[in-house]
C-alpha atoms as a PDB file:
ATOM      1  CA  MET A   1       0.171  -0.094  -0.085  1.00  0.00           C
ATOM      2  CA  VAL A   2       1.365   3.454  -0.995  1.00  0.00           C
ATOM      3  CA  SER A   3       1.795   5.835   1.574  1.00  0.00           C
ATOM      4  CA  TYR A   4       2.327   9.795   0.682  1.00  0.00           C
ATOM      5  CA  TRP A   5       4.653  11.984   2.999  1.00  0.00           C
ATOM      6  CA  VAL A   6       5.409  15.481   2.949  1.00  0.00           C
ATOM      7  CA  TRP A   7       9.309  16.456   3.528  1.00  0.00           C
ATOM      8  CA  PRO A   8      11.106  19.274   3.689  1.00  0.00           C
ATOM      9  CA  VAL A   9      14.562  20.331   1.783  1.00  0.00           C
ATOM     10  CA  SER A  10      16.332  23.458   1.884  1.00  0.00           C
ATOM     11  CA  GLU A  11      16.080  25.565  -1.827  1.00  0.00           C
ATOM     12  CA  GLU A  12      19.836  24.187  -2.403  1.00  0.00           C
ATOM     13  CA  ASN A  13      19.268  21.042  -1.954  1.00  0.00           C
ATOM     14  CA  TRP A  14      16.111  21.000  -3.977  1.00  0.00           C
ATOM     15  CA  ASP A  15      18.102  21.768  -7.160  1.00  0.00           C
ATOM     16  CA  ILE A  16      19.803  18.748  -6.055  1.00  0.00           C
ATOM     17  CA  VAL A  17      16.334  16.619  -5.949  1.00  0.00           C
ATOM     18  CA  LYS A  18      15.503  17.938  -9.303  1.00  0.00           C
ATOM     19  CA  ARG A  19      18.601  17.196 -11.000  1.00  0.00           C
ATOM     20  CA  GLU A  20      19.723  13.355  -9.468  1.00  0.00           C
ATOM     21  CA  GLN A  21      16.409  12.737  -8.143  1.00  0.00           C
ATOM     22  CA  ILE A  22      18.110  11.550  -5.257  1.00  0.00           C
ATOM     23  CA  TRP A  23      16.573  11.810  -1.575  1.00  0.00           C
ATOM     24  CA  ALA A  24      19.088  10.959   1.831  1.00  0.00           C
ATOM     25  CA  THR A  25      18.420  11.462   6.059  1.00  0.00           C
ATOM     26  CA  TYR A  26      20.319  10.762   8.533  1.00  0.00           C
ATOM     27  CA  SER A  27      17.254   9.189  10.598  1.00  0.00           C
ATOM     28  CA  LYS A  28      17.265   5.476  10.315  1.00  0.00           C
ATOM     29  CA  ILE A  29      13.848   5.469  11.787  1.00  0.00           C
ATOM     30  CA  ALA A  30      12.656   7.627   8.294  1.00  0.00           C
ATOM     31  CA  THR A  31      13.784   5.188   6.656  1.00  0.00           C
ATOM     32  CA  GLU A  32      12.401   2.252   8.235  1.00  0.00           C
ATOM     33  CA  LYS A  33       9.034   4.482   7.761  1.00  0.00           C
ATOM     34  CA  VAL A  34       9.456   5.840   4.026  1.00  0.00           C
ATOM     35  CA  LYS A  35       9.264   2.849   1.546  1.00  0.00           C
ATOM     36  CA  GLU A  36      10.048   2.051  -1.821  1.00  0.00           C
ATOM     37  CA  GLY A  37       6.507   2.418  -4.006  1.00  0.00           C
ATOM     38  CA  ASP A  38       5.502   5.866  -1.524  1.00  0.00           C
ATOM     39  CA  ASP A  39       5.310   9.222  -2.731  1.00  0.00           C
ATOM     40  CA  ILE A  40       7.225  12.016  -1.146  1.00  0.00           C
ATOM     41  CA  VAL A  41       5.535  15.846  -1.708  1.00  0.00           C
ATOM     42  CA  PHE A  42       8.963  17.977  -1.376  1.00  0.00           C
ATOM     43  CA  TYR A  43       8.131  21.434   0.296  1.00  0.00           C
ATOM     44  CA  VAL A  44      10.771  24.099   0.268  1.00  0.00           C
ATOM     45  CA  VAL A  45      11.561  25.715   3.009  1.00  0.00           C
ATOM     46  CA  GLY A  46      12.133  29.708   3.101  1.00  0.00           C
ATOM     47  CA  ARG A  47       9.883  29.695   0.085  1.00  0.00           C
ATOM     48  CA  GLY A  48       6.925  28.543   1.536  1.00  0.00           C
ATOM     49  CA  ILE A  49       5.671  26.011  -2.067  1.00  0.00           C
ATOM     50  CA  PHE A  50       4.931  22.702  -2.397  1.00  0.00           C
ATOM     51  CA  GLY A  51       7.742  21.882  -5.430  1.00  0.00           C
ATOM     52  CA  GLY A  52       7.452  18.621  -6.849  1.00  0.00           C
ATOM     53  CA  ILE A  53       6.316  15.179  -6.307  1.00  0.00           C
ATOM     54  CA  PHE A  54       8.562  12.088  -6.794  1.00  0.00           C
ATOM     55  CA  LYS A  55       8.063   8.202  -6.189  1.00  0.00           C
ATOM     56  CA  VAL A  56      11.087   6.324  -3.896  1.00  0.00           C
ATOM     57  CA  THR A  57      12.046   3.628  -6.585  1.00  0.00           C
ATOM     58  CA  SER A  58      14.724   1.766  -4.911  1.00  0.00           C
ATOM     59  CA  GLU A  59      15.551   0.862  -1.082  1.00  0.00           C
ATOM     60  CA  TRP A  60      17.955   2.989   1.504  1.00  0.00           C
ATOM     61  CA  HIS A  61      21.351   2.062   0.912  1.00  0.00           C
ATOM     62  CA  ARG A  62      24.348   4.467   2.925  1.00  0.00           C
ATOM     63  CA  THR A  63      26.543   5.872   0.644  1.00  0.00           C
ATOM     64  CA  ASN A  64      30.028   8.447   1.727  1.00  0.00           C
ATOM     65  CA  GLU A  65      29.960  11.010  -1.291  1.00  0.00           C
ATOM     66  CA  LEU A  66      29.835  14.348  -0.038  1.00  0.00           C
ATOM     67  CA  ARG A  67      26.115  15.387  -2.050  1.00  0.00           C
ATOM     68  CA  TRP A  68      24.102  17.238  -1.075  1.00  0.00           C
ATOM     69  CA  ALA A  69      25.273  21.329  -1.176  1.00  0.00           C
ATOM     70  CA  ASP A  70      25.592  21.517   2.788  1.00  0.00           C
ATOM     71  CA  GLU A  71      27.422  18.613   3.151  1.00  0.00           C
ATOM     72  CA  ARG A  72      30.053  19.735   1.063  1.00  0.00           C
ATOM     73  CA  ARG A  73      30.448  23.113   2.829  1.00  0.00           C
ATOM     74  CA  GLU A  74      31.279  21.516   5.977  1.00  0.00           C
ATOM     75  CA  GLU A  75      32.769  19.267   4.200  1.00  0.00           C
ATOM     76  CA  LYS A  76      32.242  16.291   6.039  1.00  0.00           C
ATOM     77  CA  LYS A  77      28.752  13.569   5.734  1.00  0.00           C
ATOM     78  CA  LEU A  78      25.554  14.989   7.647  1.00  0.00           C
ATOM     79  CA  TYR A  79      22.911  12.456   5.918  1.00  0.00           C
ATOM     80  CA  PRO A  80      24.577   8.828   5.430  1.00  0.00           C
ATOM     81  CA  TYR A  81      21.339   7.185   4.210  1.00  0.00           C
ATOM     82  CA  GLU A  82      20.108   7.624   0.777  1.00  0.00           C
ATOM     83  CA  VAL A  83      17.224   6.669  -1.969  1.00  0.00           C
ATOM     84  CA  ARG A  84      16.662   6.853  -5.521  1.00  0.00           C
ATOM     85  CA  LEU A  85      13.113   8.791  -6.561  1.00  0.00           C
ATOM     86  CA  GLN A  86      11.095   8.983 -10.364  1.00  0.00           C
ATOM     87  CA  MET A  87       9.762  12.841 -10.804  1.00  0.00           C
ATOM     88  CA  VAL A  88       5.681  12.236 -10.661  1.00  0.00           C
ATOM     89  CA  LYS A  89       5.415  15.809 -11.117  1.00  0.00           C
ATOM     90  CA  LEU A  90       6.888  19.422 -10.952  1.00  0.00           C
ATOM     91  CA  GLY A  91       4.743  22.606 -10.361  1.00  0.00           C
ATOM     92  CA  GLU A  92       5.399  25.532  -7.578  1.00  0.00           C
ATOM     93  CA  VAL A  93       2.342  25.481  -4.709  1.00  0.00           C
ATOM     94  CA  ASP A  94       1.554  28.220  -2.606  1.00  0.00           C
ATOM     95  CA  VAL A  95       1.019  26.992   1.187  1.00  0.00           C
ATOM     96  CA  ARG A  96      -0.915  29.318   1.671  1.00  0.00           C
ATOM     97  CA  LEU A  97      -3.423  28.798  -0.814  1.00  0.00           C
ATOM     98  CA  LEU A  98      -4.110  25.464   0.256  1.00  0.00           C
ATOM     99  CA  LYS A  99      -3.672  25.680   3.903  1.00  0.00           C
ATOM    100  CA  ASP A 100      -7.386  25.631   5.033  1.00  0.00           C
ATOM    101  CA  ARG A 101      -7.924  22.493   2.291  1.00  0.00           C
ATOM    102  CA  LEU A 102      -5.574  20.841   3.509  1.00  0.00           C
ATOM    103  CA  SER A 103      -6.566  17.798   6.253  1.00  0.00           C
ATOM    104  CA  PHE A 104      -2.590  18.058   8.107  1.00  0.00           C
ATOM    105  CA  LEU A 105      -2.734  21.849   7.553  1.00  0.00           C
ATOM    106  CA  ASN A 106      -6.267  23.016   8.475  1.00  0.00           C
ATOM    107  CA  VAL A 107      -4.340  23.545  12.367  1.00  0.00           C
ATOM    108  CA  ASN A 108      -3.343  26.701  14.461  1.00  0.00           C
ATOM    109  CA  TYR A 109       0.640  27.172  14.017  1.00  0.00           C
ATOM    110  CA  PHE A 110      -0.059  25.036  10.859  1.00  0.00           C
ATOM    111  CA  TRP A 111       3.434  26.109   9.796  1.00  0.00           C
ATOM    112  CA  LEU A 112       5.176  24.044  12.227  1.00  0.00           C
ATOM    113  CA  ARG A 113       3.353  20.835  10.886  1.00  0.00           C
ATOM    114  CA  LEU A 114       5.658  21.260   7.877  1.00  0.00           C
ATOM    115  CA  MET A 115       9.099  20.547   9.745  1.00  0.00           C
ATOM    116  CA  GLY A 116      10.506  17.649   9.393  1.00  0.00           C
ATOM    117  CA  THR A 117      10.839  15.320  12.399  1.00  0.00           C
ATOM    118  CA  GLN A 118      14.174  14.706  13.555  1.00  0.00           C
ATOM    119  CA  GLY A 119      15.812  14.665  10.111  1.00  0.00           C
ATOM    120  CA  GLY A 120      12.446  12.913   8.734  1.00  0.00           C
ATOM    121  CA  PRO A 121       9.371  13.342   6.440  1.00  0.00           C
ATOM    122  CA  ALA A 122       7.140  16.579   7.991  1.00  0.00           C
ATOM    123  CA  ASN A 123       3.076  15.791   9.738  1.00  0.00           C
ATOM    124  CA  HIS A 124       4.974  14.916  13.035  1.00  0.00           C
ATOM    125  CA  GLY A 125       6.524  12.130  10.881  1.00  0.00           C
ATOM    126  CA  ARG A 126       3.061  11.132   9.869  1.00  0.00           C
ATOM    127  CA  PRO A 127       1.984  10.068   6.291  1.00  0.00           C
ATOM    128  CA  ILE A 128      -0.629  12.236   4.889  1.00  0.00           C
ATOM    129  CA  SER A 129      -4.026  11.503   3.361  1.00  0.00           C
ATOM    130  CA  ALA A 130      -4.554   9.977   0.056  1.00  0.00           C
ATOM    131  CA  GLU A 131      -7.585  13.263  -0.647  1.00  0.00           C
ATOM    132  CA  ASP A 132      -4.600  15.600   1.068  1.00  0.00           C
ATOM    133  CA  TYR A 133      -2.080  14.103  -1.924  1.00  0.00           C
ATOM    134  CA  GLU A 134      -4.395  14.688  -4.827  1.00  0.00           C
ATOM    135  CA  LEU A 135      -5.196  18.281  -3.726  1.00  0.00           C
ATOM    136  CA  ILE A 136      -1.564  19.148  -3.866  1.00  0.00           C
ATOM    137  CA  ALA A 137      -0.893  16.852  -6.924  1.00  0.00           C
ATOM    138  CA  ASN A 138      -3.800  18.616  -8.786  1.00  0.00           C
ATOM    139  CA  GLU A 139      -3.195  22.218  -7.917  1.00  0.00           C
ATOM    140  CA  MET A 140       0.597  21.103  -9.316  1.00  0.00           C
ATOM    141  CA  THR A 141      -0.993  21.617 -12.787  1.00  0.00           C
ATOM    142  CA  ALA A 142      -4.058  23.640 -12.310  1.00  0.00           C
ATOM    143  CA  LYS A 143      -4.463  27.032 -13.123  1.00  0.00           C
ATOM    144  CA  ARG A 144      -4.567  28.773 -10.193  1.00  0.00           C
ATOM    145  CA  PRO A 145      -5.645  32.257  -8.334  1.00  0.00           C
ATOM    146  CA  GLN A 146      -2.765  34.270  -7.652  1.00  0.00           C
ATOM    147  CA  LEU A 147      -2.202  35.470  -4.337  1.00  0.00           C
ATOM    148  CA  PRO A 148      -2.879  39.588  -3.968  1.00  0.00           C
ATOM    149  CA  PRO A 149       0.546  41.568  -5.201  1.00  0.00           C
ATOM    150  CA  GLU A 150       1.165  42.100  -1.485  1.00  0.00           C
ATOM    151  CA  GLU A 151       1.146  39.024  -0.348  1.00  0.00           C
ATOM    152  CA  ARG A 152       3.148  37.550  -3.628  1.00  0.00           C
ATOM    153  CA  ARG A 153       6.569  38.934  -2.479  1.00  0.00           C
ATOM    154  CA  GLU A 154       8.971  36.512  -0.805  1.00  0.00           C
ATOM    155  CA  VAL A 155       9.507  36.992   2.588  1.00  0.00           C
ATOM    156  CA  LYS A 156      12.353  38.407   3.679  1.00  0.00           C
ATOM    157  CA  ARG A 157      14.470  36.876   7.056  1.00  0.00           C
ATOM    158  CA  PRO A 158      14.617  39.328   9.396  1.00  0.00           C
ATOM    159  CA  THR A 159      18.108  39.845  10.882  1.00  0.00           C
ATOM    160  CA  HIS A 160      18.830  38.908  14.750  1.00  0.00           C
ATOM    161  CA  ASP A 161      18.348  42.431  16.281  1.00  0.00           C
ATOM    162  CA  GLU A 162      15.255  42.277  14.654  1.00  0.00           C
ATOM    163  CA  LEU A 163      14.283  38.498  15.623  1.00  0.00           C
ATOM    164  CA  LYS A 164      14.598  39.958  19.199  1.00  0.00           C
ATOM    165  CA  SER A 165      12.546  42.928  18.602  1.00  0.00           C
ATOM    166  CA  MET A 166       9.675  40.651  17.518  1.00  0.00           C
ATOM    167  CA  LEU A 167      10.211  38.379  20.617  1.00  0.00           C
ATOM    168  CA  LYS A 168       9.872  41.750  23.217  1.00  0.00           C
ATOM    169  CA  GLU A 169       6.789  43.013  21.574  1.00  0.00           C
ATOM    170  CA  ILE A 170       4.945  39.946  21.230  1.00  0.00           C
ATOM    171  CA  GLY A 171       5.767  39.378  25.172  1.00  0.00           C
ATOM    172  CA  ASP A 172       5.011  43.208  25.776  1.00  0.00           C
ATOM    173  CA  MET A 173       1.218  42.730  23.647  1.00  0.00           C
ATOM    174  CA  LEU A 174       0.782  39.499  25.882  1.00  0.00           C
ATOM    175  CA  GLY A 175       1.274  41.140  29.070  1.00  0.00           C
ATOM    176  CA  PHE A 176       4.845  40.028  30.112  1.00  0.00           C
ATOM    177  CA  VAL A 177       7.701  42.453  31.289  1.00  0.00           C
ATOM    178  CA  SER A 178      10.021  41.625  28.215  1.00  0.00           C
ATOM    179  CA  LYS A 179      13.217  41.847  28.146  1.00  0.00           C
ATOM    180  CA  THR A 180      16.302  42.280  26.105  1.00  0.00           C
ATOM    181  CA  GLU A 181      20.061  41.277  26.229  1.00  0.00           C
ATOM    182  CA  GLU A 182      19.289  40.695  29.842  1.00  0.00           C
ATOM    183  CA  TRP A 183      22.272  38.999  31.839  1.00  0.00           C
ATOM    184  CA  SER A 184      22.078  36.128  33.976  1.00  0.00           C
ATOM    185  CA  PRO A 185      22.701  36.850  37.765  1.00  0.00           C
ATOM    186  CA  ASP A 186      26.563  35.991  37.817  1.00  0.00           C
ATOM    187  CA  GLY A 187      26.462  37.787  35.212  1.00  0.00           C
ATOM    188  CA  THR A 188      28.100  34.947  32.795  1.00  0.00           C
ATOM    189  CA  TYR A 189      25.579  34.906  29.954  1.00  0.00           C
ATOM    190  CA  ARG A 190      23.531  37.283  28.455  1.00  0.00           C
ATOM    191  CA  TYR A 191      19.824  35.934  27.168  1.00  0.00           C
ATOM    192  CA  ASP A 192      18.524  37.627  24.295  1.00  0.00           C
ATOM    193  CA  VAL A 193      14.938  37.649  25.215  1.00  0.00           C
ATOM    194  CA  THR A 194      12.890  37.290  28.832  1.00  0.00           C
ATOM    195  CA  TRP A 195       9.624  37.187  29.826  1.00  0.00           C
ATOM    196  CA  ARG A 196       8.032  37.811  33.478  1.00  0.00           C
ATOM    197  CA  ASP A 197       5.067  37.682  35.036  1.00  0.00           C
ATOM    198  CA  TYR A 198       6.194  40.590  37.086  1.00  0.00           C
ATOM    199  CA  GLU A 199       9.287  42.894  37.776  1.00  0.00           C
ATOM    200  CA  GLU A 200      10.731  41.322  40.860  1.00  0.00           C
ATOM    201  CA  HIS A 201      10.433  37.874  39.190  1.00  0.00           C
ATOM    202  CA  ARG A 202      12.243  35.067  37.819  1.00  0.00           C
ATOM    203  CA  PRO A 203      11.578  34.987  34.090  1.00  0.00           C
ATOM    204  CA  MET A 204       9.255  32.338  32.985  1.00  0.00           C
ATOM    205  CA  LYS A 205      10.372  32.056  29.119  1.00  0.00           C
ATOM    206  CA  VAL A 206      14.001  32.893  28.058  1.00  0.00           C
ATOM    207  CA  PHE A 207      15.234  33.129  23.944  1.00  0.00           C
ATOM    208  CA  GLU A 208      17.741  32.918  22.476  1.00  0.00           C
ATOM    209  CA  VAL A 209      18.160  33.238  18.797  1.00  0.00           C
ATOM    210  CA  GLU A 210      20.803  31.319  17.350  1.00  0.00           C
ATOM    211  CA  LEU A 211      22.251  29.690  13.894  1.00  0.00           C
ATOM    212  CA  SER A 212      22.482  26.085  14.484  1.00  0.00           C
ATOM    213  CA  LYS A 213      26.047  26.002  13.725  1.00  0.00           C
ATOM    214  CA  ASN A 214      26.572  27.627  17.362  1.00  0.00           C
ATOM    215  CA  VAL A 215      23.875  25.106  19.171  1.00  0.00           C
ATOM    216  CA  ASP A 216      26.491  24.253  21.787  1.00  0.00           C
ATOM    217  CA  HIS A 217      26.797  27.408  23.088  1.00  0.00           C
ATOM    218  CA  ALA A 218      22.697  28.083  22.569  1.00  0.00           C
ATOM    219  CA  LEU A 219      22.735  24.902  24.761  1.00  0.00           C
ATOM    220  CA  SER A 220      25.147  25.939  27.085  1.00  0.00           C
ATOM    221  CA  SER A 221      23.519  29.511  27.939  1.00  0.00           C
ATOM    222  CA  LEU A 222      19.945  27.432  27.604  1.00  0.00           C
ATOM    223  CA  SER A 223      20.915  25.315  30.483  1.00  0.00           C
ATOM    224  CA  HIS A 224      22.539  27.768  32.702  1.00  0.00           C
ATOM    225  CA  ALA A 225      19.794  30.058  32.568  1.00  0.00           C
ATOM    226  CA  TYR A 226      17.616  26.336  33.619  1.00  0.00           C
ATOM    227  CA  ASP A 227      19.986  26.178  36.503  1.00  0.00           C
ATOM    228  CA  MET A 228      19.996  30.273  37.692  1.00  0.00           C
ATOM    229  CA  TRP A 229      16.022  30.840  37.182  1.00  0.00           C
ATOM    230  CA  GLY A 230      14.208  27.520  36.580  1.00  0.00           C
ATOM    231  CA  PRO A 231      11.852  28.745  33.855  1.00  0.00           C
ATOM    232  CA  GLU A 232       9.271  27.444  32.548  1.00  0.00           C
ATOM    233  CA  GLN A 233      10.312  27.266  28.841  1.00  0.00           C
ATOM    234  CA  LEU A 234      13.208  27.319  26.785  1.00  0.00           C
ATOM    235  CA  TYR A 235      13.242  28.794  23.298  1.00  0.00           C
ATOM    236  CA  LEU A 236      16.246  28.069  20.138  1.00  0.00           C
ATOM    237  CA  VAL A 237      15.010  30.339  17.669  1.00  0.00           C
ATOM    238  CA  LEU A 238      16.881  29.315  14.345  1.00  0.00           C
ATOM    239  CA  GLU A 239      17.931  32.531  11.848  1.00  0.00           C
ATOM    240  CA  ASP A 240      17.753  29.870   9.070  1.00  0.00           C
ATOM    241  CA  GLU A 241      14.425  28.593   8.644  1.00  0.00           C
ATOM    242  CA  GLY A 242      16.941  25.781   6.794  1.00  0.00           C
ATOM    243  CA  ASP A 243      18.590  24.997   9.319  1.00  0.00           C
ATOM    244  CA  ILE A 244      16.162  23.725  11.774  1.00  0.00           C
ATOM    245  CA  LEU A 245      16.166  20.130  10.385  1.00  0.00           C
ATOM    246  CA  ARG A 246      20.203  19.854  11.114  1.00  0.00           C
ATOM    247  CA  ALA A 247      19.305  21.893  14.415  1.00  0.00           C
ATOM    248  CA  GLU A 248      16.920  18.565  15.178  1.00  0.00           C
ATOM    249  CA  LYS A 249      19.837  16.727  14.338  1.00  0.00           C
ATOM    250  CA  LEU A 250      22.526  18.583  16.684  1.00  0.00           C
ATOM    251  CA  VAL A 251      20.195  19.180  19.183  1.00  0.00           C
ATOM    252  CA  THR A 252      19.200  15.471  19.840  1.00  0.00           C
ATOM    253  CA  PRO A 253      21.603  13.735  21.119  1.00  0.00           C
ATOM    254  CA  ARG A 254      22.855  16.513  23.038  1.00  0.00           C
ATOM    255  CA  ILE A 255      20.128  16.593  25.080  1.00  0.00           C
ATOM    256  CA  ARG A 256      19.487  13.421  25.593  1.00  0.00           C
ATOM    257  CA  GLY A 257      22.886  13.315  27.341  1.00  0.00           C
ATOM    258  CA  ALA A 258      25.215  17.040  28.522  1.00  0.00           C
ATOM    259  CA  PHE A 259      21.526  18.819  28.736  1.00  0.00           C
ATOM    260  CA  VAL A 260      19.076  16.389  29.365  1.00  0.00           C
ATOM    261  CA  ARG A 261      17.636  17.916  32.361  1.00  0.00           C
ATOM    262  CA  ILE A 262      16.654  20.996  29.960  1.00  0.00           C
ATOM    263  CA  LYS A 263      14.763  18.422  27.608  1.00  0.00           C
ATOM    264  CA  GLU A 264      11.606  18.730  29.001  1.00  0.00           C
ATOM    265  CA  ARG A 265      11.283  22.284  28.450  1.00  0.00           C
ATOM    266  CA  LEU A 266      13.723  22.943  24.773  1.00  0.00           C
ATOM    267  CA  ARG A 267      11.403  23.783  21.900  1.00  0.00           C
ATOM    268  CA  LEU A 268      12.811  24.783  18.915  1.00  0.00           C
ATOM    269  CA  LEU A 269      11.454  27.432  16.683  1.00  0.00           C
ATOM    270  CA  PRO A 270      12.249  28.661  13.129  1.00  0.00           C
ATOM    271  CA  TRP A 271      12.307  32.018  12.226  1.00  0.00           C
ATOM    272  CA  THR A 272       9.116  31.656  10.518  1.00  0.00           C
ATOM    273  CA  ALA A 273       7.181  31.092  13.336  1.00  0.00           C
ATOM    274  CA  VAL A 274       8.415  33.951  15.183  1.00  0.00           C
ATOM    275  CA  SER A 275       7.385  36.499  11.977  1.00  0.00           C
ATOM    276  CA  MET A 276       4.129  35.098  11.107  1.00  0.00           C
ATOM    277  CA  LEU A 277       3.342  34.930  14.519  1.00  0.00           C
ATOM    278  CA  TYR A 278       4.574  39.045  14.998  1.00  0.00           C
ATOM    279  CA  ASP A 279       2.703  39.870  11.729  1.00  0.00           C
ATOM    280  CA  MET A 280      -0.891  38.327  12.755  1.00  0.00           C
ATOM    281  CA  MET A 281      -0.755  39.483  16.088  1.00  0.00           C
ATOM    282  CA  LYS A 282       0.043  42.901  15.089  1.00  0.00           C
ATOM    283  CA  GLN A 283      -2.948  43.496  13.268  1.00  0.00           C
ATOM    284  CA  HIS A 284      -4.704  43.071  16.739  1.00  0.00           C
ATOM    285  CA  ARG A 285      -2.364  44.783  18.783  1.00  0.00           C
ATOM    286  CA  GLU A 286      -4.780  46.972  21.149  1.00  0.00           C
ATOM    287  CA  LEU A 287      -7.329  43.656  21.469  1.00  0.00           C
ATOM    288  CA  ILE A 288      -4.363  41.422  22.260  1.00  0.00           C
ATOM    289  CA  THR A 289      -2.808  43.783  24.538  1.00  0.00           C
ATOM    290  CA  ASP A 290      -6.682  43.995  25.861  1.00  0.00           C
ATOM    291  CA  LEU A 291      -7.571  40.618  27.086  1.00  0.00           C
ATOM    292  CA  ALA A 292      -4.008  40.056  28.025  1.00  0.00           C
ATOM    293  CA  ARG A 293      -4.329  42.177  30.915  1.00  0.00           C
ATOM    294  CA  ARG A 294      -4.124  40.628  34.497  1.00  0.00           C
END
């Protein structure tokens, strides 16, 4: 029986998928789920589109070739399990045009359903329904309505400081005492953003905005915040949406080892989640601020 999967791919690696008709992962669990004969709908991270559908035409096998863009850049093997593909259909479909009609995306914070699960497929590592698959496939060849011009533009990635400012404003709107650049009590780490319910109380939520290549420093910083303040939640916000795939790979073994004590409180967020939430809340700032008043 064929299963249908949505799998995120970075824009630079999407070109390789199309050209060489292959796919790869570091997740052994994913190779046990996705089988020969299944179809993969690729979600192109950063562009917000379903870019094409490919059928899996081989069993998974190990490879040492540095084939992918980030592997060549870092000069090491990141995705050892590889599979052959055959193109079924290509066609750019804006996710925003379909999200309310796709059952797996018809939820709050739908973009989180498009993120891979520990190097595997999206949708929390589950296949999508045949109905959702058919809708995406049909839209790839249909003459589709266009988004309004103001929504059609590419979303520009915010800077580190802009993301901090967004997080602070979101906290302010929700009624928190929100601060940027706050030092830990012992002066060891400076945190990008903290939220607390009252000025004299400890932070309840701590945010670090980092590139995934600095994940060790970010986790050390958040772990120290846990030791100093015991916040309810710790957030690692990725400046590059594509890096959340690799960040999961880097973070997972660490929060099972040296940073295990923060495992249950740590959340990874792509910058798109922060940006989209900020834009949505900004449109209803007065109402949200009024509702958050205690």
